[in-house]
Amino acid sequence: MRWVGAVGVALSARAGDPGPLRPATLLAPRVGSWLMLGLLVVAGLYLYGASLLRRRGDRWPVARTLLFVGPGLGGIAAVTLTGFADYDDQLLSVHMIQHMVLGMVAPIFLALGAPVTLALRTLPAGPRRRLVAVLHSRVARVLSFPLVAYGFFVVTPFALYFTRLYRLTLTNDVVHELVHAHFIAVGCLFFWPLLGIDPLPGRWPYPGRALLMFLSTPFHTVLGLTIMQSRELVGGDWYPALQLAWADPWADQRAAGGILWASGELVSVTMLAVLLVQWMRHSEREARRMDRQLDREEAAGAAGAAEAAGAAGVAEAAGAAGTVASPSVAGATGSILAAAVTPRGASAR
């Protein structure tokens, strides 16, 4: 068993034992990451686009900017550019919080920020045409099809936690970061067609979206309970080999399963409620649009009827005037003819 202790020391040295989990260490910022640079670039481009619209006199809702930059990009930063990055390979429960934020919470707010709509309204003609071509490409249609995104969304965590892939993420930093990027991408693919307002090809009507969101709710329960009741540790002997005096791998795994179960249910039910609200507002807008259309048609019909009635009145008046004028014309014509044929002096006699 001596080799187990040696391996534990090596792994702990590699991972860098951050000490017992405390809020101060968990939320301490970490700067200098390439991810930090990427998030700053994306936030800067979004804010520049929103300010460009305002300078042009166009309206861009402030709420979209706050949602995209705040809980969207900020949510990603909160679990990757803080002490979470130190604990995510020490505790499965911390990794699970990362998973939920990167795969479910942040993508929802990124979708509600409508960055594609902002880009279409601010890009020059050439880049805008290329973006439209990408949105209508076959790849985009396939990836944004709700059932394809749903498949990725459901299969990804099972493939991660019940294969050797998760252990690989603990030993390989590149794979670790790629899995984070995969969480974000899959979350965006799933939530963007359901809750987002950007123009995407093949978007389902609201009843279909609500059904798909409802079907996504139970799988977090299944996955969380499976992890909680598993007789094997996720990651194999990685966590026991760390020999952290302040952490129990089995208790931490049960906590991780509970986090996945509870947070997945909470987010799914909340998003289902948001989707239903969007559905009702859409129905109200459609009803108002139909009312306005019917009002316009009714007004056009009334104007047409009034115009037709006015034309008929003019024609009738013209006919009546012609009838009254005919005897006078005939009398005048007869008098002229009689004067023309009467000999001179006849009137004197």
Protein backbone atom coordinates (compact mmCIF):
# COMPACT_ATOMS: atom_id res chain seq x y z
CA MET A 1 0.00 0.00 0.00
CA ARG A 2 3.04 2.25 0.17
CA TRP A 3 2.80 2.97 -3.57
CA VAL A 4 -0.75 4.28 -3.05
CA GLY A 5 0.57 6.88 -0.63
CA ALA A 6 3.29 7.87 -3.08
CA VAL A 7 0.77 8.23 -5.86
CA GLY A 8 -1.44 10.26 -3.56
CA VAL A 9 1.42 12.62 -2.71
CA ALA A 10 2.26 13.04 -6.39
CA LEU A 11 -1.31 13.67 -7.42
CA SER A 12 -1.87 16.08 -4.54
CA ALA A 13 1.27 17.96 -5.50
CA ARG A 14 0.14 18.11 -9.14
CA ALA A 15 -3.36 19.26 -8.26
CA GLY A 16 -2.14 21.64 -5.60
CA ASP A 17 -4.17 21.00 -2.45
CA PRO A 18 -6.01 24.29 -1.85
CA GLY A 19 -6.99 23.31 1.69
CA PRO A 20 -10.48 22.92 3.18
CA LEU A 21 -13.32 24.34 1.13
CA ARG A 22 -14.28 27.83 2.29
CA PRO A 23 -16.27 30.58 0.55
CA ALA A 24 -13.28 32.91 0.58
CA THR A 25 -11.04 30.44 -1.26
CA LEU A 26 -13.83 29.23 -3.55
CA LEU A 27 -14.67 32.73 -4.78
CA ALA A 28 -11.15 34.14 -4.87
CA PRO A 29 -10.45 35.52 -8.39
CA ARG A 30 -7.90 33.93 -10.70
CA VAL A 31 -6.47 36.20 -13.40
CA GLY A 32 -4.24 35.64 -16.39
CA SER A 33 -6.21 32.83 -18.06
CA TRP A 34 -6.77 32.67 -21.83
CA LEU A 35 -10.44 32.15 -20.99
CA MET A 36 -10.47 35.50 -19.21
CA LEU A 37 -9.16 37.18 -22.36
CA GLY A 38 -11.80 35.45 -24.47
CA LEU A 39 -14.64 36.50 -22.17
CA LEU A 40 -13.39 40.10 -22.14
CA VAL A 41 -13.23 40.17 -25.95
CA VAL A 42 -16.77 38.80 -26.30
CA ALA A 43 -18.12 41.23 -23.70
CA GLY A 44 -16.32 44.14 -25.39
CA LEU A 45 -17.73 43.26 -28.82
CA TYR A 46 -21.25 42.96 -27.44
CA LEU A 47 -21.06 46.27 -25.58
CA TYR A 48 -19.58 47.97 -28.66
CA GLY A 49 -22.45 46.69 -30.81
CA ALA A 50 -25.06 47.89 -28.31
CA SER A 51 -23.44 51.33 -28.07
CA LEU A 52 -23.23 51.54 -31.86
CA LEU A 53 -26.98 51.00 -32.12
CA ARG A 54 -27.65 53.69 -29.52
CA ARG A 55 -25.43 56.18 -31.34
CA ARG A 56 -27.37 55.44 -34.52
CA GLY A 57 -30.60 56.21 -32.71
CA ASP A 58 -31.79 52.57 -32.74
CA ARG A 59 -33.20 50.90 -29.67
CA TRP A 60 -31.50 47.93 -28.00
CA PRO A 61 -33.06 46.70 -24.72
CA VAL A 62 -30.80 47.23 -21.73
CA ALA A 63 -32.12 43.99 -20.21
CA ARG A 64 -30.55 41.97 -23.03
CA THR A 65 -27.16 43.54 -22.39
CA LEU A 66 -27.40 42.92 -18.65
CA LEU A 67 -28.44 39.28 -19.13
CA PHE A 68 -25.71 38.52 -21.67
CA VAL A 69 -22.82 40.20 -19.85
CA GLY A 70 -24.01 39.55 -16.27
CA PRO A 71 -25.22 36.01 -15.59
CA GLY A 72 -24.23 34.89 -19.11
CA LEU A 73 -20.53 35.70 -19.45
CA GLY A 74 -20.27 36.49 -15.75
CA GLY A 75 -21.62 33.05 -14.85
CA ILE A 76 -18.89 31.39 -16.92
CA ALA A 77 -16.26 33.56 -15.26
CA ALA A 78 -17.64 32.84 -11.78
CA VAL A 79 -16.94 29.10 -12.03
CA THR A 80 -13.77 29.13 -14.14
CA LEU A 81 -11.82 32.25 -13.14
CA THR A 82 -12.16 31.81 -9.37
CA GLY A 83 -11.28 29.26 -6.73
CA PHE A 84 -13.62 26.85 -8.49
CA ALA A 85 -10.71 26.20 -10.85
CA ASP A 86 -8.63 25.04 -7.86
CA TYR A 87 -11.28 22.74 -6.42
CA ASP A 88 -12.88 21.28 -9.56
CA ASP A 89 -10.36 18.42 -9.66
CA GLN A 90 -10.34 18.02 -5.88
CA LEU A 91 -14.07 17.66 -5.25
CA LEU A 92 -16.67 16.14 -7.54
CA SER A 93 -19.31 18.38 -5.96
CA VAL A 94 -17.47 21.55 -7.08
CA HIS A 95 -17.09 20.13 -10.57
CA MET A 96 -20.83 19.43 -10.61
CA ILE A 97 -21.59 23.07 -9.81
CA GLN A 98 -19.34 24.02 -12.72
CA HIS A 99 -21.19 21.56 -14.92
CA MET A 100 -24.59 23.02 -14.12
CA VAL A 101 -23.52 26.65 -14.53
CA LEU A 102 -21.62 26.08 -17.78
CA GLY A 103 -24.15 23.68 -19.29
CA MET A 104 -27.48 25.12 -18.12
CA VAL A 105 -27.38 28.48 -16.38
CA ALA A 106 -24.98 30.56 -18.48
CA PRO A 107 -26.28 29.38 -21.90
CA ILE A 108 -29.82 30.44 -20.97
CA PHE A 109 -28.76 34.03 -20.35
CA LEU A 110 -26.49 34.06 -23.39
CA ALA A 111 -29.50 33.07 -25.50
CA LEU A 112 -31.70 35.73 -23.93
CA GLY A 113 -29.04 38.33 -24.78
CA ALA A 114 -29.69 37.77 -28.53
CA PRO A 115 -26.09 38.30 -29.73
CA VAL A 116 -26.88 37.05 -33.24
CA THR A 117 -29.62 39.66 -33.65
CA LEU A 118 -27.22 42.32 -32.40
CA ALA A 119 -24.59 41.21 -34.90
CA LEU A 120 -27.08 41.25 -37.79
CA ARG A 121 -28.07 44.81 -36.92
CA THR A 122 -24.53 46.18 -36.57
CA LEU A 123 -22.28 44.27 -38.99
CA PRO A 124 -21.46 45.73 -42.42
CA ALA A 125 -23.20 44.27 -45.47
CA GLY A 126 -20.49 41.74 -46.36
CA PRO A 127 -20.01 40.12 -42.93
CA ARG A 128 -23.77 40.23 -42.39
CA ARG A 129 -24.38 38.24 -45.58
CA ARG A 130 -21.79 35.68 -44.52
CA LEU A 131 -23.40 35.36 -41.08
CA VAL A 132 -26.82 34.85 -42.67
CA ALA A 133 -25.30 32.19 -44.95
CA VAL A 134 -23.88 30.38 -41.91
CA LEU A 135 -27.22 30.54 -40.09
CA HIS A 136 -28.99 28.97 -43.08
CA SER A 137 -26.30 26.38 -43.81
CA ARG A 138 -27.01 22.68 -43.59
CA VAL A 139 -24.70 22.29 -40.58
CA ALA A 140 -26.54 25.02 -38.68
CA ARG A 141 -29.92 23.51 -39.53
CA VAL A 142 -28.82 20.10 -38.26
CA LEU A 143 -27.14 21.32 -35.07
CA SER A 144 -29.99 23.69 -34.18
CA PHE A 145 -32.67 21.06 -34.76
CA PRO A 146 -34.17 20.61 -31.27
CA LEU A 147 -34.02 16.81 -31.21
CA VAL A 148 -30.33 16.79 -32.16
CA ALA A 149 -29.51 19.31 -29.44
CA TYR A 150 -31.67 17.34 -26.98
CA GLY A 151 -29.67 14.20 -27.78
CA PHE A 152 -26.36 15.94 -27.05
CA PHE A 153 -27.81 17.48 -23.90
CA VAL A 154 -28.95 14.15 -22.47
CA VAL A 155 -26.14 11.87 -23.62
CA THR A 156 -23.18 14.11 -22.73
CA PRO A 157 -23.23 13.72 -18.90
CA PHE A 158 -23.80 9.97 -19.05
CA ALA A 159 -20.92 9.59 -21.50
CA LEU A 160 -18.72 11.75 -19.29
CA TYR A 161 -19.35 10.31 -15.84
CA PHE A 162 -19.78 6.62 -16.68
CA THR A 163 -16.79 6.16 -18.99
CA ARG A 164 -13.06 6.77 -18.61
CA LEU A 165 -13.47 10.23 -20.11
CA TYR A 166 -13.99 11.90 -16.74
CA ARG A 167 -10.77 10.40 -15.37
CA LEU A 168 -8.98 11.73 -18.45
CA THR A 169 -10.26 15.24 -17.73
CA LEU A 170 -8.64 15.02 -14.29
CA THR A 171 -5.22 14.12 -15.66
CA ASN A 172 -5.18 16.18 -18.86
CA ASP A 173 -5.66 19.95 -18.67
CA VAL A 174 -6.43 20.32 -22.39
CA VAL A 175 -9.22 17.73 -22.23
CA HIS A 176 -10.45 19.37 -19.04
CA GLU A 177 -10.84 22.74 -20.77
CA LEU A 178 -12.39 21.16 -23.87
CA VAL A 179 -15.05 19.52 -21.70
CA HIS A 180 -15.88 22.95 -20.24
CA ALA A 181 -16.21 24.36 -23.75
CA HIS A 182 -18.36 21.36 -24.70
CA PHE A 183 -20.72 22.02 -21.79
CA ILE A 184 -21.19 25.61 -22.95
CA ALA A 185 -21.68 24.63 -26.59
CA VAL A 186 -24.22 21.89 -25.83
CA GLY A 187 -26.12 24.18 -23.47
CA CYS A 188 -26.31 26.88 -26.14
CA LEU A 189 -27.43 24.37 -28.78
CA PHE A 190 -30.21 23.16 -26.50
CA PHE A 191 -31.50 26.43 -25.03
CA TRP A 192 -31.00 28.80 -27.96
CA PRO A 193 -33.78 27.32 -30.16
CA LEU A 194 -36.08 26.93 -27.14
CA LEU A 195 -35.74 30.22 -25.27
CA GLY A 196 -33.64 32.52 -27.44
CA ILE A 197 -35.01 35.26 -29.68
CA ASP A 198 -32.33 35.13 -32.37
CA PRO A 199 -33.42 34.14 -35.91
CA LEU A 200 -32.58 30.44 -36.14
CA PRO A 201 -33.62 27.99 -38.89
CA GLY A 202 -36.21 25.32 -38.16
CA ARG A 203 -37.40 26.71 -34.83
CA TRP A 204 -40.30 24.72 -33.38
CA PRO A 205 -43.59 26.29 -32.36
CA TYR A 206 -44.15 26.88 -28.66
CA PRO A 207 -46.09 23.66 -27.91
CA GLY A 208 -43.21 21.58 -29.26
CA ARG A 209 -40.65 23.61 -27.32
CA ALA A 210 -42.60 23.24 -24.08
CA LEU A 211 -42.85 19.48 -24.61
CA LEU A 212 -39.11 19.17 -25.21
CA MET A 213 -38.30 21.24 -22.13
CA PHE A 214 -40.65 19.06 -20.09
CA LEU A 215 -38.93 15.90 -21.37
CA SER A 216 -35.53 17.25 -20.33
CA THR A 217 -36.60 17.63 -16.71
CA PRO A 218 -36.49 14.02 -15.43
CA PHE A 219 -33.09 13.03 -16.81
CA HIS A 220 -31.24 15.13 -14.20
CA THR A 221 -33.12 13.21 -11.52
CA VAL A 222 -32.06 9.89 -13.04
CA LEU A 223 -28.45 10.98 -13.43
CA GLY A 224 -28.22 12.49 -9.95
CA LEU A 225 -29.74 9.47 -8.23
CA THR A 226 -27.50 7.13 -10.21
CA ILE A 227 -24.38 9.00 -9.07
CA MET A 228 -25.62 9.14 -5.46
CA GLN A 229 -26.35 5.41 -5.33
CA SER A 230 -23.31 4.25 -7.31
CA ARG A 231 -21.05 1.70 -5.63
CA GLU A 232 -18.07 3.00 -7.58
CA LEU A 233 -16.45 6.39 -7.37
CA VAL A 234 -16.70 8.64 -10.38
CA GLY A 235 -13.11 9.09 -11.50
CA GLY A 236 -11.99 5.77 -10.05
CA ASP A 237 -9.18 6.03 -7.51
CA TRP A 238 -8.36 9.66 -8.31
CA TYR A 239 -10.07 11.22 -5.29
CA PRO A 240 -8.96 8.62 -2.70
CA ALA A 241 -5.39 8.88 -4.00
CA LEU A 242 -5.37 12.61 -3.24
CA GLN A 243 -5.67 11.70 0.46
CA LEU A 244 -7.32 14.96 1.41
CA ALA A 245 -7.78 14.93 5.16
CA TRP A 246 -10.64 17.41 4.93
CA ALA A 247 -12.72 15.55 2.28
CA ASP A 248 -14.53 12.21 2.13
CA PRO A 249 -14.82 11.09 -1.54
CA TRP A 250 -17.96 9.02 -0.93
CA ALA A 251 -19.78 11.76 0.95
CA ASP A 252 -18.67 14.28 -1.67
CA GLN A 253 -20.01 12.07 -4.47
CA ARG A 254 -23.39 11.83 -2.77
CA ALA A 255 -23.39 15.61 -2.45
CA ALA A 256 -22.47 15.93 -6.12
CA GLY A 257 -25.38 13.73 -7.15
CA GLY A 258 -27.73 15.75 -4.97
CA ILE A 259 -26.49 19.01 -6.52
CA LEU A 260 -27.05 17.63 -10.01
CA TRP A 261 -30.52 16.39 -9.13
CA ALA A 262 -31.77 19.46 -7.27
CA SER A 263 -30.24 22.13 -9.48
CA GLY A 264 -31.25 20.32 -12.66
CA GLU A 265 -34.85 20.10 -11.52
CA LEU A 266 -34.88 23.73 -10.39
CA VAL A 267 -33.42 25.09 -13.62
CA SER A 268 -35.60 22.91 -15.85
CA VAL A 269 -38.85 23.78 -14.06
CA THR A 270 -37.93 27.47 -13.99
CA MET A 271 -37.12 27.48 -17.71
CA LEU A 272 -40.33 25.63 -18.45
CA ALA A 273 -42.20 28.41 -16.65
CA VAL A 274 -40.26 31.04 -18.61
CA LEU A 275 -41.10 29.26 -21.85
CA LEU A 276 -44.78 29.16 -20.95
CA VAL A 277 -44.70 32.90 -20.21
CA GLN A 278 -43.06 33.52 -23.59
CA TRP A 279 -45.74 31.37 -25.19
CA MET A 280 -48.55 33.37 -23.59
CA ARG A 281 -46.96 36.68 -24.55
CA HIS A 282 -46.52 35.45 -28.09
CA SER A 283 -50.19 34.45 -28.20
CA GLU A 284 -51.19 37.88 -26.89
CA ARG A 285 -49.05 39.60 -29.54
CA GLU A 286 -50.57 37.42 -32.24
CA ALA A 287 -54.07 38.20 -30.99
CA ARG A 288 -53.33 41.95 -31.04
CA ARG A 289 -51.84 41.64 -34.51
CA MET A 290 -54.94 39.82 -35.76
CA ASP A 291 -57.18 42.46 -34.15
CA ARG A 292 -55.24 45.23 -35.88
CA GLN A 293 -55.45 43.38 -39.18
CA LEU A 294 -59.21 42.88 -38.80
CA ASP A 295 -59.62 46.55 -37.86
CA ARG A 296 -57.69 47.59 -40.97
CA GLU A 297 -59.78 45.30 -43.15
CA GLU A 298 -62.99 46.59 -41.59
CA ALA A 299 -61.90 50.20 -42.05
CA ALA A 300 -60.93 49.51 -45.66
CA GLY A 301 -64.29 47.85 -46.27
CA ALA A 302 -66.17 50.77 -44.71
CA ALA A 303 -64.17 53.26 -46.78
CA GLY A 304 -64.90 51.27 -49.93
CA ALA A 305 -68.61 51.14 -49.13
CA ALA A 306 -68.69 54.88 -48.45
CA GLU A 307 -66.91 55.59 -51.71
CA ALA A 308 -69.30 53.37 -53.62
CA ALA A 309 -72.31 55.01 -51.95
CA GLY A 310 -70.93 58.45 -52.81
CA ALA A 311 -70.44 57.49 -56.44
CA ALA A 312 -73.98 56.11 -56.63
CA GLY A 313 -75.35 59.35 -55.14
CA VAL A 314 -73.52 61.47 -57.69
CA ALA A 315 -74.81 59.35 -60.54
CA GLU A 316 -78.38 59.54 -59.24
CA ALA A 317 -78.19 63.31 -58.86
CA ALA A 318 -76.84 63.66 -62.37
CA GLY A 319 -79.70 61.55 -63.73
CA ALA A 320 -82.33 63.64 -61.92
CA ALA A 321 -80.83 66.87 -63.24
CA GLY A 322 -80.94 65.55 -66.77
CA THR A 323 -84.62 64.65 -66.46
CA VAL A 324 -85.62 68.13 -65.24
CA ALA A 325 -83.68 69.92 -67.96
CA SER A 326 -85.16 67.98 -70.93
CA PRO A 327 -88.66 69.79 -71.23
CA SER A 328 -87.06 73.23 -71.16
CA VAL A 329 -84.67 72.29 -73.90
CA ALA A 330 -87.51 70.87 -76.02
CA GLY A 331 -89.65 74.03 -75.50
CA ALA A 332 -86.83 76.33 -76.47
CA THR A 333 -86.08 74.27 -79.53
CA GLY A 334 -89.79 74.39 -80.61
CA SER A 335 -89.97 78.18 -80.23
CA ILE A 336 -86.92 78.66 -82.42
CA LEU A 337 -88.36 76.41 -85.15
CA ALA A 338 -91.75 78.17 -85.05
CA ALA A 339 -90.12 81.57 -85.41
CA ALA A 340 -88.10 80.29 -88.29
CA VAL A 341 -91.13 79.10 -90.34
CA THR A 342 -93.60 81.91 -89.47
CA PRO A 343 -93.85 84.58 -92.29
CA ARG A 344 -93.02 88.14 -91.47
CA GLY A 345 -95.95 90.17 -90.47
CA ALA A 346 -98.06 87.19 -89.44
CA SER A 347 -97.77 88.22 -85.88
CA ALA A 348 -99.08 91.67 -86.72
CA ARG A 349 -102.28 90.21 -88.14
